[in-house]
Amino acid sequence: MLSSVFEVELFEMGIWSLGLGALGAAIAGIFLANTDLCLTKAAQASLEYLEDADLHSTGDDEKTMKAKTLWEKTGAVVMAVRRPG
């Protein structure tokens, strides 16, 4: 009788431990998914670097030009974005 009571209490303690561990993992996952604590900070590109960037056309003629010449000719602004990974 005492052995079965001990086994039930041990089983209940294991279930509580698993439940609390799952709850802690869920809270940590939600916290990390909604913050940028683990992400590296973005570096700012200099104007000289952006001026020297090669721009490739998307049409059939495959033209390449420097970003600075596009700005001087048309006043167009080019935004450079690099995705992580």
PDB file of N, CA and C in Angstrom:
ATOM      1  N   MET A   1       0.819  -1.190   0.000  1.00  0.00           N
ATOM      2  CA  MET A   1       0.000   0.000   0.000  1.00  0.00           C
ATOM      3  C   MET A   1       0.870   1.264   0.000  1.00  0.00           C
ATOM      4  N   LEU A   2       1.864   1.293   0.873  1.00  0.00           N
ATOM      5  CA  LEU A   2       2.742   2.447   0.965  1.00  0.00           C
ATOM      6  C   LEU A   2       3.536   2.637  -0.313  1.00  0.00           C
ATOM      7  N   SER A   3       3.902   1.549  -0.962  1.00  0.00           N
ATOM      8  CA  SER A   3       4.655   1.614  -2.211  1.00  0.00           C
ATOM      9  C   SER A   3       3.832   2.233  -3.320  1.00  0.00           C
ATOM     10  N   SER A   4       2.556   1.901  -3.418  1.00  0.00           N
ATOM     11  CA  SER A   4       1.709   2.452  -4.479  1.00  0.00           C
ATOM     12  C   SER A   4       1.443   3.932  -4.242  1.00  0.00           C
ATOM     13  N   VAL A   5       1.303   4.355  -2.995  1.00  0.00           N
ATOM     14  CA  VAL A   5       1.109   5.774  -2.680  1.00  0.00           C
ATOM     15  C   VAL A   5       2.362   6.558  -3.062  1.00  0.00           C
ATOM     16  N   PHE A   6       3.520   5.984  -2.760  1.00  0.00           N
ATOM     17  CA  PHE A   6       4.779   6.637  -3.111  1.00  0.00           C
ATOM     18  C   PHE A   6       4.928   6.760  -4.632  1.00  0.00           C
ATOM     19  N   GLU A   7       4.536   5.709  -5.375  1.00  0.00           N
ATOM     20  CA  GLU A   7       4.618   5.747  -6.829  1.00  0.00           C
ATOM     21  C   GLU A   7       3.678   6.800  -7.415  1.00  0.00           C
ATOM     22  N   VAL A   8       2.490   6.948  -6.858  1.00  0.00           N
ATOM     23  CA  VAL A   8       1.533   7.952  -7.337  1.00  0.00           C
ATOM     24  C   VAL A   8       2.067   9.354  -7.074  1.00  0.00           C
ATOM     25  N   GLU A   9       2.616   9.575  -5.893  1.00  0.00           N
ATOM     26  CA  GLU A   9       3.173  10.891  -5.573  1.00  0.00           C
ATOM     27  C   GLU A   9       4.373  11.214  -6.462  1.00  0.00           C
ATOM     28  N   LEU A  10       5.185  10.216  -6.732  1.00  0.00           N
ATOM     29  CA  LEU A  10       6.330  10.409  -7.612  1.00  0.00           C
ATOM     30  C   LEU A  10       5.867  10.731  -9.033  1.00  0.00           C
ATOM     31  N   PHE A  11       4.832  10.032  -9.495  1.00  0.00           N
ATOM     32  CA  PHE A  11       4.272  10.290 -10.825  1.00  0.00           C
ATOM     33  C   PHE A  11       3.703  11.711 -10.900  1.00  0.00           C
ATOM     34  N   GLU A  12       2.963  12.126  -9.858  1.00  0.00           N
ATOM     35  CA  GLU A  12       2.393  13.478  -9.838  1.00  0.00           C
ATOM     36  C   GLU A  12       3.487  14.539  -9.836  1.00  0.00           C
ATOM     37  N   MET A  13       4.561  14.287  -9.104  1.00  0.00           N
ATOM     38  CA  MET A  13       5.668  15.235  -9.074  1.00  0.00           C
ATOM     39  C   MET A  13       6.325  15.329 -10.451  1.00  0.00           C
ATOM     40  N   GLY A  14       6.444  14.219 -11.154  1.00  0.00           N
ATOM     41  CA  GLY A  14       6.998  14.235 -12.503  1.00  0.00           C
ATOM     42  C   GLY A  14       6.118  15.000 -13.470  1.00  0.00           C
ATOM     43  N   ILE A  15       4.809  14.829 -13.371  1.00  0.00           N
ATOM     44  CA  ILE A  15       3.877  15.555 -14.230  1.00  0.00           C
ATOM     45  C   ILE A  15       3.964  17.058 -13.956  1.00  0.00           C
ATOM     46  N   TRP A  16       4.030  17.448 -12.684  1.00  0.00           N
ATOM     47  CA  TRP A  16       4.171  18.870 -12.349  1.00  0.00           C
ATOM     48  C   TRP A  16       5.485  19.440 -12.890  1.00  0.00           C
ATOM     49  N   SER A  17       6.547  18.672 -12.804  1.00  0.00           N
ATOM     50  CA  SER A  17       7.844  19.130 -13.306  1.00  0.00           C
ATOM     51  C   SER A  17       7.800  19.327 -14.812  1.00  0.00           C
ATOM     52  N   LEU A  18       7.198  18.387 -15.521  1.00  0.00           N
ATOM     53  CA  LEU A  18       7.064  18.533 -16.969  1.00  0.00           C
ATOM     54  C   LEU A  18       6.195  19.739 -17.332  1.00  0.00           C
ATOM     55  N   GLY A  19       5.119  19.922 -16.601  1.00  0.00           N
ATOM     56  CA  GLY A  19       4.220  21.053 -16.865  1.00  0.00           C
ATOM     57  C   GLY A  19       4.905  22.386 -16.633  1.00  0.00           C
ATOM     58  N   LEU A  20       5.622  22.498 -15.525  1.00  0.00           N
ATOM     59  CA  LEU A  20       6.329  23.752 -15.239  1.00  0.00           C
ATOM     60  C   LEU A  20       7.456  23.994 -16.238  1.00  0.00           C
ATOM     61  N   GLY A  21       8.128  22.928 -16.654  1.00  0.00           N
ATOM     62  CA  GLY A  21       9.183  23.072 -17.665  1.00  0.00           C
ATOM     63  C   GLY A  21       8.619  23.530 -18.999  1.00  0.00           C
ATOM     64  N   ALA A  22       7.481  22.967 -19.388  1.00  0.00           N
ATOM     65  CA  ALA A  22       6.837  23.376 -20.641  1.00  0.00           C
ATOM     66  C   ALA A  22       6.355  24.815 -20.565  1.00  0.00           C
ATOM     67  N   LEU A  23       5.807  25.199 -19.426  1.00  0.00           N
ATOM     68  CA  LEU A  23       5.359  26.584 -19.247  1.00  0.00           C
ATOM     69  C   LEU A  23       6.540  27.547 -19.303  1.00  0.00           C
ATOM     70  N   GLY A  24       7.651  27.206 -18.660  1.00  0.00           N
ATOM     71  CA  GLY A  24       8.844  28.042 -18.702  1.00  0.00           C
ATOM     72  C   GLY A  24       9.407  28.161 -20.103  1.00  0.00           C
ATOM     73  N   ALA A  25       9.413  27.051 -20.847  1.00  0.00           N
ATOM     74  CA  ALA A  25       9.909  27.092 -22.225  1.00  0.00           C
ATOM     75  C   ALA A  25       9.002  27.944 -23.105  1.00  0.00           C
ATOM     76  N   ALA A  26       7.698  27.865 -22.891  1.00  0.00           N
ATOM     77  CA  ALA A  26       6.761  28.684 -23.678  1.00  0.00           C
ATOM     78  C   ALA A  26       6.956  30.165 -23.390  1.00  0.00           C
ATOM     79  N   ILE A  27       7.107  30.518 -22.135  1.00  0.00           N
ATOM     80  CA  ILE A  27       7.324  31.931 -21.767  1.00  0.00           C
ATOM     81  C   ILE A  27       8.644  32.431 -22.341  1.00  0.00           C
ATOM     82  N   ALA A  28       9.701  31.628 -22.238  1.00  0.00           N
ATOM     83  CA  ALA A  28      10.999  32.032 -22.796  1.00  0.00           C
ATOM     84  C   ALA A  28      10.913  32.172 -24.307  1.00  0.00           C
ATOM     85  N   GLY A  29      10.210  31.272 -24.980  1.00  0.00           N
ATOM     86  CA  GLY A  29      10.056  31.360 -26.432  1.00  0.00           C
ATOM     87  C   GLY A  29       9.303  32.599 -26.861  1.00  0.00           C
ATOM     88  N   ILE A  30       8.225  32.916 -26.176  1.00  0.00           N
ATOM     89  CA  ILE A  30       7.453  34.125 -26.495  1.00  0.00           C
ATOM     90  C   ILE A  30       8.295  35.369 -26.255  1.00  0.00           C
ATOM     91  N   PHE A  31       9.041  35.389 -25.166  1.00  0.00           N
ATOM     92  CA  PHE A  31       9.884  36.540 -24.849  1.00  0.00           C
ATOM     93  C   PHE A  31      10.965  36.742 -25.910  1.00  0.00           C
ATOM     94  N   LEU A  32      11.654  35.672 -26.282  1.00  0.00           N
ATOM     95  CA  LEU A  32      12.737  35.795 -27.261  1.00  0.00           C
ATOM     96  C   LEU A  32      12.218  36.086 -28.668  1.00  0.00           C
ATOM     97  N   ALA A  33      11.019  35.612 -28.994  1.00  0.00           N
ATOM     98  CA  ALA A  33      10.461  35.869 -30.319  1.00  0.00           C
ATOM     99  C   ALA A  33      10.036  37.322 -30.485  1.00  0.00           C
ATOM    100  N   ASN A  34       9.740  37.996 -29.386  1.00  0.00           N
ATOM    101  CA  ASN A  34       9.250  39.369 -29.468  1.00  0.00           C
ATOM    102  C   ASN A  34      10.265  40.414 -29.052  1.00  0.00           C
ATOM    103  N   THR A  35      11.499  40.015 -28.831  1.00  0.00           N
ATOM    104  CA  THR A  35      12.564  40.966 -28.516  1.00  0.00           C
ATOM    105  C   THR A  35      13.715  40.743 -29.476  1.00  0.00           C
ATOM    106  N   ASP A  36      14.645  41.664 -29.506  1.00  0.00           N
ATOM    107  CA  ASP A  36      15.813  41.531 -30.385  1.00  0.00           C
ATOM    108  C   ASP A  36      17.098  41.337 -29.572  1.00  0.00           C
ATOM    109  N   LEU A  37      16.995  40.657 -28.460  1.00  0.00           N
ATOM    110  CA  LEU A  37      18.160  40.465 -27.598  1.00  0.00           C
ATOM    111  C   LEU A  37      19.237  39.607 -28.255  1.00  0.00           C
ATOM    112  N   CYS A  38      18.852  38.649 -29.083  1.00  0.00           N
ATOM    113  CA  CYS A  38      19.823  37.736 -29.687  1.00  0.00           C
ATOM    114  C   CYS A  38      20.273  38.181 -31.075  1.00  0.00           C
ATOM    115  N   LEU A  39      19.715  39.248 -31.601  1.00  0.00           N
ATOM    116  CA  LEU A  39      20.057  39.701 -32.942  1.00  0.00           C
ATOM    117  C   LEU A  39      21.228  40.671 -32.904  1.00  0.00           C
ATOM    118  N   THR A  40      22.031  40.641 -33.948  1.00  0.00           N
ATOM    119  CA  THR A  40      23.123  41.596 -34.036  1.00  0.00           C
ATOM    120  C   THR A  40      22.579  42.946 -34.495  1.00  0.00           C
ATOM    121  N   LYS A  41      23.221  43.994 -34.098  1.00  0.00           N
ATOM    122  CA  LYS A  41      22.787  45.335 -34.487  1.00  0.00           C
ATOM    123  C   LYS A  41      23.244  45.631 -35.913  1.00  0.00           C
ATOM    124  N   ALA A  42      22.403  46.306 -36.663  1.00  0.00           N
ATOM    125  CA  ALA A  42      22.699  46.619 -38.064  1.00  0.00           C
ATOM    126  C   ALA A  42      23.769  47.708 -38.146  1.00  0.00           C
ATOM    127  N   ALA A  43      24.670  47.562 -39.096  1.00  0.00           N
ATOM    128  CA  ALA A  43      25.710  48.559 -39.333  1.00  0.00           C
ATOM    129  C   ALA A  43      25.202  49.563 -40.371  1.00  0.00           C
ATOM    130  N   GLN A  44      25.521  50.816 -40.187  1.00  0.00           N
ATOM    131  CA  GLN A  44      25.125  51.862 -41.122  1.00  0.00           C
ATOM    132  C   GLN A  44      26.106  51.903 -42.293  1.00  0.00           C
ATOM    133  N   ALA A  45      25.578  51.944 -43.501  1.00  0.00           N
ATOM    134  CA  ALA A  45      26.429  52.039 -44.691  1.00  0.00           C
ATOM    135  C   ALA A  45      26.801  53.506 -44.920  1.00  0.00           C
ATOM    136  N   SER A  46      28.033  53.732 -45.323  1.00  0.00           N
ATOM    137  CA  SER A  46      28.477  55.099 -45.592  1.00  0.00           C
ATOM    138  C   SER A  46      27.966  55.554 -46.957  1.00  0.00           C
ATOM    139  N   LEU A  47      27.910  56.851 -47.155  1.00  0.00           N
ATOM    140  CA  LEU A  47      27.449  57.407 -48.419  1.00  0.00           C
ATOM    141  C   LEU A  47      28.389  57.019 -49.556  1.00  0.00           C
ATOM    142  N   GLU A  48      29.681  56.991 -49.293  1.00  0.00           N
ATOM    143  CA  GLU A  48      30.652  56.614 -50.324  1.00  0.00           C
ATOM    144  C   GLU A  48      30.439  55.168 -50.778  1.00  0.00           C
ATOM    145  N   TYR A  49      30.138  54.298 -49.839  1.00  0.00           N
ATOM    146  CA  TYR A  49      29.893  52.895 -50.175  1.00  0.00           C
ATOM    147  C   TYR A  49      28.640  52.759 -51.043  1.00  0.00           C
ATOM    148  N   LEU A  50      27.583  53.485 -50.693  1.00  0.00           N
ATOM    149  CA  LEU A  50      26.341  53.410 -51.464  1.00  0.00           C
ATOM    150  C   LEU A  50      26.491  54.045 -52.843  1.00  0.00           C
ATOM    151  N   GLU A  51      27.289  55.138 -52.944  1.00  0.00           N
ATOM    152  CA  GLU A  51      27.521  55.774 -54.249  1.00  0.00           C
ATOM    153  C   GLU A  51      28.233  54.833 -55.208  1.00  0.00           C
ATOM    154  N   ASP A  52      29.101  53.997 -54.678  1.00  0.00           N
ATOM    155  CA  ASP A  52      29.921  53.123 -55.510  1.00  0.00           C
ATOM    156  C   ASP A  52      29.221  51.802 -55.842  1.00  0.00           C
ATOM    157  N   ALA A  53      28.015  51.594 -55.361  1.00  0.00           N
ATOM    158  CA  ALA A  53      27.306  50.326 -55.592  1.00  0.00           C
ATOM    159  C   ALA A  53      26.912  50.193 -57.057  1.00  0.00           C
ATOM    160  N   ASP A  54      27.030  48.983 -57.579  1.00  0.00           N
ATOM    161  CA  ASP A  54      26.611  48.701 -58.953  1.00  0.00           C
ATOM    162  C   ASP A  54      25.121  48.375 -58.958  1.00  0.00           C
ATOM    163  N   LEU A  55      24.389  49.027 -59.843  1.00  0.00           N
ATOM    164  CA  LEU A  55      22.962  48.765 -60.005  1.00  0.00           C
ATOM    165  C   LEU A  55      22.753  48.050 -61.323  1.00  0.00           C
ATOM    166  N   HIS A  56      22.012  46.958 -61.300  1.00  0.00           N
ATOM    167  CA  HIS A  56      21.743  46.167 -62.487  1.00  0.00           C
ATOM    168  C   HIS A  56      20.276  46.344 -62.864  1.00  0.00           C
ATOM    169  N   SER A  57      20.005  46.547 -64.137  1.00  0.00           N
ATOM    170  CA  SER A  57      18.629  46.702 -64.590  1.00  0.00           C
ATOM    171  C   SER A  57      17.919  45.354 -64.571  1.00  0.00           C
ATOM    172  N   THR A  58      16.604  45.402 -64.459  1.00  0.00           N
ATOM    173  CA  THR A  58      15.825  44.169 -64.435  1.00  0.00           C
ATOM    174  C   THR A  58      15.205  43.865 -65.787  1.00  0.00           C
ATOM    175  N   GLY A  59      15.421  44.719 -66.762  1.00  0.00           N
ATOM    176  CA  GLY A  59      14.854  44.506 -68.084  1.00  0.00           C
ATOM    177  C   GLY A  59      15.693  43.583 -68.935  1.00  0.00           C
ATOM    178  N   ASP A  60      15.385  43.568 -70.233  1.00  0.00           N
ATOM    179  CA  ASP A  60      16.084  42.682 -71.167  1.00  0.00           C
ATOM    180  C   ASP A  60      17.460  43.200 -71.574  1.00  0.00           C
ATOM    181  N   ASP A  61      17.730  44.524 -71.396  1.00  0.00           N
ATOM    182  CA  ASP A  61      18.973  45.098 -71.908  1.00  0.00           C
ATOM    183  C   ASP A  61      20.170  44.918 -70.971  1.00  0.00           C
ATOM    184  N   GLU A  62      19.991  44.456 -69.742  1.00  0.00           N
ATOM    185  CA  GLU A  62      21.095  44.150 -68.826  1.00  0.00           C
ATOM    186  C   GLU A  62      22.092  45.292 -68.672  1.00  0.00           C
ATOM    187  N   LYS A  63      21.612  46.490 -68.361  1.00  0.00           N
ATOM    188  CA  LYS A  63      22.512  47.632 -68.150  1.00  0.00           C
ATOM    189  C   LYS A  63      22.989  47.655 -66.704  1.00  0.00           C
ATOM    190  N   THR A  64      24.223  48.118 -66.515  1.00  0.00           N
ATOM    191  CA  THR A  64      24.801  48.278 -65.189  1.00  0.00           C
ATOM    192  C   THR A  64      25.313  49.701 -65.057  1.00  0.00           C
ATOM    193  N   MET A  65      24.998  50.323 -63.922  1.00  0.00           N
ATOM    194  CA  MET A  65      25.484  51.687 -63.675  1.00  0.00           C
ATOM    195  C   MET A  65      25.769  51.854 -62.191  1.00  0.00           C
ATOM    196  N   LYS A  66      26.506  52.892 -61.873  1.00  0.00           N
ATOM    197  CA  LYS A  66      26.795  53.223 -60.485  1.00  0.00           C
ATOM    198  C   LYS A  66      25.611  54.003 -59.906  1.00  0.00           C
ATOM    199  N   ALA A  67      25.366  53.830 -58.618  1.00  0.00           N
ATOM    200  CA  ALA A  67      24.243  54.500 -57.973  1.00  0.00           C
ATOM    201  C   ALA A  67      24.393  56.023 -58.027  1.00  0.00           C
ATOM    202  N   LYS A  68      25.615  56.509 -57.978  1.00  0.00           N
ATOM    203  CA  LYS A  68      25.858  57.949 -58.001  1.00  0.00           C
ATOM    204  C   LYS A  68      25.400  58.565 -59.331  1.00  0.00           C
ATOM    205  N   THR A  69      25.634  57.879 -60.444  1.00  0.00           N
ATOM    206  CA  THR A  69      25.220  58.424 -61.739  1.00  0.00           C
ATOM    207  C   THR A  69      23.702  58.432 -61.870  1.00  0.00           C
ATOM    208  N   LEU A  70      23.026  57.459 -61.293  1.00  0.00           N
ATOM    209  CA  LEU A  70      21.564  57.454 -61.324  1.00  0.00           C
ATOM    210  C   LEU A  70      21.017  58.648 -60.553  1.00  0.00           C
ATOM    211  N   TRP A  71      21.618  58.958 -59.417  1.00  0.00           N
ATOM    212  CA  TRP A  71      21.195  60.106 -58.620  1.00  0.00           C
ATOM    213  C   TRP A  71      21.432  61.407 -59.381  1.00  0.00           C
ATOM    214  N   GLU A  72      22.598  61.524 -60.018  1.00  0.00           N
ATOM    215  CA  GLU A  72      22.926  62.765 -60.736  1.00  0.00           C
ATOM    216  C   GLU A  72      22.029  62.969 -61.950  1.00  0.00           C
ATOM    217  N   LYS A  73      21.648  61.901 -62.647  1.00  0.00           N
ATOM    218  CA  LYS A  73      20.841  62.025 -63.856  1.00  0.00           C
ATOM    219  C   LYS A  73      19.364  62.254 -63.565  1.00  0.00           C
ATOM    220  N   THR A  74      18.801  61.482 -62.645  1.00  0.00           N
ATOM    221  CA  THR A  74      17.344  61.508 -62.456  1.00  0.00           C
ATOM    222  C   THR A  74      16.902  61.948 -61.076  1.00  0.00           C
ATOM    223  N   GLY A  75      17.790  62.021 -60.128  1.00  0.00           N
ATOM    224  CA  GLY A  75      17.404  62.374 -58.767  1.00  0.00           C
ATOM    225  C   GLY A  75      16.772  61.213 -58.015  1.00  0.00           C
ATOM    226  N   ALA A  76      16.909  60.018 -58.548  1.00  0.00           N
ATOM    227  CA  ALA A  76      16.320  58.839 -57.914  1.00  0.00           C
ATOM    228  C   ALA A  76      17.073  58.491 -56.634  1.00  0.00           C
ATOM    229  N   VAL A  77      16.353  57.994 -55.663  1.00  0.00           N
ATOM    230  CA  VAL A  77      16.945  57.565 -54.400  1.00  0.00           C
ATOM    231  C   VAL A  77      16.917  56.042 -54.370  1.00  0.00           C
ATOM    232  N   VAL A  78      18.058  55.457 -54.048  1.00  0.00           N
ATOM    233  CA  VAL A  78      18.163  54.010 -53.998  1.00  0.00           C
ATOM    234  C   VAL A  78      18.294  53.589 -52.544  1.00  0.00           C
ATOM    235  N   MET A  79      17.482  52.639 -52.134  1.00  0.00           N
ATOM    236  CA  MET A  79      17.556  52.131 -50.774  1.00  0.00           C
ATOM    237  C   MET A  79      18.173  50.737 -50.813  1.00  0.00           C
ATOM    238  N   ALA A  80      19.254  50.545 -50.072  1.00  0.00           N
ATOM    239  CA  ALA A  80      19.936  49.247 -50.058  1.00  0.00           C
ATOM    240  C   ALA A  80      19.572  48.527 -48.755  1.00  0.00           C
ATOM    241  N   VAL A  81      19.049  47.319 -48.891  1.00  0.00           N
ATOM    242  CA  VAL A  81      18.662  46.516 -47.738  1.00  0.00           C
ATOM    243  C   VAL A  81      19.287  45.154 -47.889  1.00  0.00           C
ATOM    244  N   ARG A  82      19.940  44.710 -46.830  1.00  0.00           N
ATOM    245  CA  ARG A  82      20.524  43.362 -46.840  1.00  0.00           C
ATOM    246  C   ARG A  82      19.815  42.550 -45.779  1.00  0.00           C
ATOM    247  N   ARG A  83      19.243  41.456 -46.211  1.00  0.00           N
ATOM    248  CA  ARG A  83      18.563  40.583 -45.278  1.00  0.00           C
ATOM    249  C   ARG A  83      19.585  39.708 -44.563  1.00  0.00           C
ATOM    250  N   PRO A  84      19.339  39.376 -43.316  1.00  0.00           N
ATOM    251  CA  PRO A  84      20.276  38.497 -42.608  1.00  0.00           C
ATOM    252  C   PRO A  84      20.247  37.089 -43.198  1.00  0.00           C
ATOM    253  N   GLY A  85      21.404  36.456 -43.160  1.00  0.00           N
ATOM    254  CA  GLY A  85      21.463  35.063 -43.588  1.00  0.00           C
ATOM    255  C   GLY A  85      22.112  34.813 -44.875  1.00  0.00           C
TER     256      GLY A  85
END
